Amino acid sequence: QTLVVESGGGSVQAGGSLRLSCAAPRTIFSVFSVFDVAWFRQFPGKQRELVARMTSDGNTNYADSVKGRFAISRDNSKKKVFLQMNNVKPEDAAVYYCNLDDGGRQSWGQGTRVTVSS
């Protein structure tokens, strides 16, 4: 399984911004570049839900609740995925997980918590 490490979570005020990062330090560049990458989040007592996804060729899709506020990006040379969170709302508070999908196997990070103060 691919090692996936998230960072960047923390506390943010409502209306503020936060940038989450996800790294695959043990994956070589050529392998990382063909992953579809995504961010999921999980609320207490709920299943993980998709926040944003980017395919290997750069196509993106977002949950309706974050469209226009969040942006997913990737830097294949650095083997990293990012989630820029703008205009954060209290309902965005959750544990965020990075997901890498090679088409046959999915790898997950340990999660990074985002708390939002109003």
C-alpha atoms as a PDB file:
ATOM      1  CA  GLN A   1       0.000   0.000   0.000  1.00  0.00           C
ATOM      2  CA  THR A   2       1.193   3.485  -0.817  1.00  0.00           C
ATOM      3  CA  LEU A   3       2.287   5.574   2.164  1.00  0.00           C
ATOM      4  CA  VAL A   4       0.116   8.688   2.314  1.00  0.00           C
ATOM      5  CA  VAL A   5       0.804  11.503   4.755  1.00  0.00           C
ATOM      6  CA  GLU A   6      -1.555  14.439   5.282  1.00  0.00           C
ATOM      7  CA  SER A   7      -0.708  17.720   6.953  1.00  0.00           C
ATOM      8  CA  GLY A   8      -2.059  21.207   7.290  1.00  0.00           C
ATOM      9  CA  GLY A   9      -5.090  20.643   9.422  1.00  0.00           C
ATOM     10  CA  GLY A  10      -5.818  22.771  12.432  1.00  0.00           C
ATOM     11  CA  SER A  11      -8.109  25.442  13.657  1.00  0.00           C
ATOM     12  CA  VAL A  12      -9.465  28.168  11.424  1.00  0.00           C
ATOM     13  CA  GLN A  13     -12.016  30.897  11.926  1.00  0.00           C
ATOM     14  CA  ALA A  14     -15.180  30.821   9.900  1.00  0.00           C
ATOM     15  CA  GLY A  15     -14.557  32.714   6.694  1.00  0.00           C
ATOM     16  CA  GLY A  16     -10.860  31.985   6.814  1.00  0.00           C
ATOM     17  CA  SER A  17      -8.623  29.792   4.702  1.00  0.00           C
ATOM     18  CA  LEU A  18      -6.632  26.649   5.218  1.00  0.00           C
ATOM     19  CA  ARG A  19      -4.461  24.554   2.940  1.00  0.00           C
ATOM     20  CA  LEU A  20      -4.188  20.832   3.376  1.00  0.00           C
ATOM     21  CA  SER A  21      -1.306  18.874   1.928  1.00  0.00           C
ATOM     22  CA  CYS A  22      -0.865  15.230   1.131  1.00  0.00           C
ATOM     23  CA  ALA A  23       2.412  13.560   0.264  1.00  0.00           C
ATOM     24  CA  ALA A  24       3.373  10.149  -1.038  1.00  0.00           C
ATOM     25  CA  PRO A  25       7.028  10.162  -0.045  1.00  0.00           C
ATOM     26  CA  ARG A  26       7.845   6.587  -0.989  1.00  0.00           C
ATOM     27  CA  THR A  27       6.202   6.677  -4.389  1.00  0.00           C
ATOM     28  CA  ILE A  28       8.215   7.411  -7.463  1.00  0.00           C
ATOM     29  CA  PHE A  29       7.136  10.288  -9.659  1.00  0.00           C
ATOM     30  CA  SER A  30       6.083   8.200 -12.620  1.00  0.00           C
ATOM     31  CA  VAL A  31       3.759   6.120 -10.465  1.00  0.00           C
ATOM     32  CA  PHE A  32       2.269   9.091  -8.615  1.00  0.00           C
ATOM     33  CA  SER A  33       1.460  10.877 -11.845  1.00  0.00           C
ATOM     34  CA  VAL A  34      -1.025   8.208 -12.911  1.00  0.00           C
ATOM     35  CA  PHE A  35      -2.946   8.225  -9.632  1.00  0.00           C
ATOM     36  CA  ASP A  36      -6.360   9.723  -9.389  1.00  0.00           C
ATOM     37  CA  VAL A  37      -6.233  11.768  -6.182  1.00  0.00           C
ATOM     38  CA  ALA A  38      -8.981  12.893  -3.885  1.00  0.00           C
ATOM     39  CA  TRP A  39      -9.855  14.410  -0.549  1.00  0.00           C
ATOM     40  CA  PHE A  40     -12.576  12.926   1.590  1.00  0.00           C
ATOM     41  CA  ARG A  41     -13.886  14.050   4.942  1.00  0.00           C
ATOM     42  CA  GLN A  42     -15.601  12.332   7.777  1.00  0.00           C
ATOM     43  CA  PHE A  43     -17.957  13.790  10.338  1.00  0.00           C
ATOM     44  CA  PRO A  44     -18.465  12.072  13.709  1.00  0.00           C
ATOM     45  CA  GLY A  45     -20.672   9.038  13.311  1.00  0.00           C
ATOM     46  CA  LYS A  46     -20.836   9.406   9.535  1.00  0.00           C
ATOM     47  CA  GLN A  47     -19.238   7.709   6.568  1.00  0.00           C
ATOM     48  CA  ARG A  48     -16.476   9.375   4.649  1.00  0.00           C
ATOM     49  CA  GLU A  49     -17.704  11.605   1.876  1.00  0.00           C
ATOM     50  CA  LEU A  50     -15.981  12.862  -1.203  1.00  0.00           C
ATOM     51  CA  VAL A  51     -14.879  16.491  -1.073  1.00  0.00           C
ATOM     52  CA  ALA A  52     -12.861  16.824  -4.269  1.00  0.00           C
ATOM     53  CA  ARG A  53     -11.217  14.587  -6.826  1.00  0.00           C
ATOM     54  CA  MET A  54      -8.658  15.126  -9.567  1.00  0.00           C
ATOM     55  CA  THR A  55      -7.910  12.527 -12.185  1.00  0.00           C
ATOM     56  CA  SER A  56      -4.462  11.822 -13.540  1.00  0.00           C
ATOM     57  CA  ASP A  57      -5.239  14.022 -16.547  1.00  0.00           C
ATOM     58  CA  GLY A  58      -6.404  16.922 -14.425  1.00  0.00           C
ATOM     59  CA  ASN A  59     -10.172  16.639 -14.492  1.00  0.00           C
ATOM     60  CA  THR A  60     -11.796  17.684 -11.245  1.00  0.00           C
ATOM     61  CA  ASN A  61     -15.092  17.278  -9.480  1.00  0.00           C
ATOM     62  CA  TYR A  62     -16.307  18.661  -6.196  1.00  0.00           C
ATOM     63  CA  ALA A  63     -19.019  18.061  -3.670  1.00  0.00           C
ATOM     64  CA  ASP A  64     -21.771  20.629  -4.119  1.00  0.00           C
ATOM     65  CA  SER A  65     -21.184  21.909  -0.601  1.00  0.00           C
ATOM     66  CA  VAL A  66     -17.634  23.045  -1.385  1.00  0.00           C
ATOM     67  CA  LYS A  67     -17.907  24.186  -4.996  1.00  0.00           C
ATOM     68  CA  GLY A  68     -16.501  27.656  -5.422  1.00  0.00           C
ATOM     69  CA  ARG A  69     -14.772  27.543  -2.045  1.00  0.00           C
ATOM     70  CA  PHE A  70     -12.362  24.609  -2.180  1.00  0.00           C
ATOM     71  CA  ALA A  71      -9.805  23.760  -4.846  1.00  0.00           C
ATOM     72  CA  ILE A  72      -7.852  20.561  -5.327  1.00  0.00           C
ATOM     73  CA  SER A  73      -4.484  20.615  -7.021  1.00  0.00           C
ATOM     74  CA  ARG A  74      -1.492  18.380  -7.433  1.00  0.00           C
ATOM     75  CA  ASP A  75       2.223  18.678  -8.006  1.00  0.00           C
ATOM     76  CA  ASN A  76       3.363  15.429  -9.543  1.00  0.00           C
ATOM     77  CA  SER A  77       7.026  16.416  -9.404  1.00  0.00           C
ATOM     78  CA  LYS A  78       6.718  16.691  -5.635  1.00  0.00           C
ATOM     79  CA  LYS A  79       4.275  13.812  -5.337  1.00  0.00           C
ATOM     80  CA  LYS A  80       1.838  16.019  -3.476  1.00  0.00           C
ATOM     81  CA  VAL A  81      -1.838  16.825  -3.466  1.00  0.00           C
ATOM     82  CA  PHE A  82      -3.334  19.978  -2.005  1.00  0.00           C
ATOM     83  CA  LEU A  83      -6.743  21.149  -0.886  1.00  0.00           C
ATOM     84  CA  GLN A  84      -7.125  24.908  -0.686  1.00  0.00           C
ATOM     85  CA  MET A  85     -10.050  25.684   1.575  1.00  0.00           C
ATOM     86  CA  ASN A  86     -11.412  29.218   1.363  1.00  0.00           C
ATOM     87  CA  ASN A  87     -14.384  30.816   3.087  1.00  0.00           C
ATOM     88  CA  VAL A  88     -14.410  27.929   5.507  1.00  0.00           C
ATOM     89  CA  LYS A  89     -17.716  27.312   7.244  1.00  0.00           C
ATOM     90  CA  PRO A  90     -18.447  25.683  10.615  1.00  0.00           C
ATOM     91  CA  GLU A  91     -19.978  22.739   8.771  1.00  0.00           C
ATOM     92  CA  ASP A  92     -16.590  22.044   7.145  1.00  0.00           C
ATOM     93  CA  ALA A  93     -15.189  20.893  10.475  1.00  0.00           C
ATOM     94  CA  ALA A  94     -14.222  17.235  10.030  1.00  0.00           C
ATOM     95  CA  VAL A  95     -11.302  14.876   9.654  1.00  0.00           C
ATOM     96  CA  TYR A  96      -9.965  15.135   6.122  1.00  0.00           C
ATOM     97  CA  TYR A  97      -8.396  12.173   4.360  1.00  0.00           C
ATOM     98  CA  CYS A  98      -6.267  12.022   1.261  1.00  0.00           C
ATOM     99  CA  ASN A  99      -6.957   9.182  -1.154  1.00  0.00           C
ATOM    100  CA  LEU A 100      -4.757   7.889  -3.954  1.00  0.00           C
ATOM    101  CA  ASP A 101      -6.287   5.531  -6.488  1.00  0.00           C
ATOM    102  CA  ASP A 102      -4.212   3.654  -9.049  1.00  0.00           C
ATOM    103  CA  GLY A 103      -7.288   2.118 -10.600  1.00  0.00           C
ATOM    104  CA  GLY A 104      -6.954  -1.122  -8.733  1.00  0.00           C
ATOM    105  CA  ARG A 105      -5.982  -0.172  -5.245  1.00  0.00           C
ATOM    106  CA  GLN A 106      -6.748   2.754  -2.989  1.00  0.00           C
ATOM    107  CA  SER A 107      -4.441   4.161  -0.355  1.00  0.00           C
ATOM    108  CA  TRP A 108      -5.447   6.406   2.509  1.00  0.00           C
ATOM    109  CA  GLY A 109      -3.673   8.699   4.867  1.00  0.00           C
ATOM    110  CA  GLN A 110      -4.214   8.851   8.583  1.00  0.00           C
ATOM    111  CA  GLY A 111      -6.366  11.957   8.359  1.00  0.00           C
ATOM    112  CA  THR A 112      -5.926  15.542   9.449  1.00  0.00           C
ATOM    113  CA  ARG A 113      -8.480  17.322  11.595  1.00  0.00           C
ATOM    114  CA  VAL A 114      -9.977  20.668  10.706  1.00  0.00           C
ATOM    115  CA  THR A 115     -11.835  22.623  13.369  1.00  0.00           C
ATOM    116  CA  VAL A 116     -13.734  25.805  12.627  1.00  0.00           C
ATOM    117  CA  SER A 117     -14.480  28.507  15.143  1.00  0.00           C
ATOM    118  CA  SER A 118     -17.320  30.907  14.561  1.00  0.00           C
END
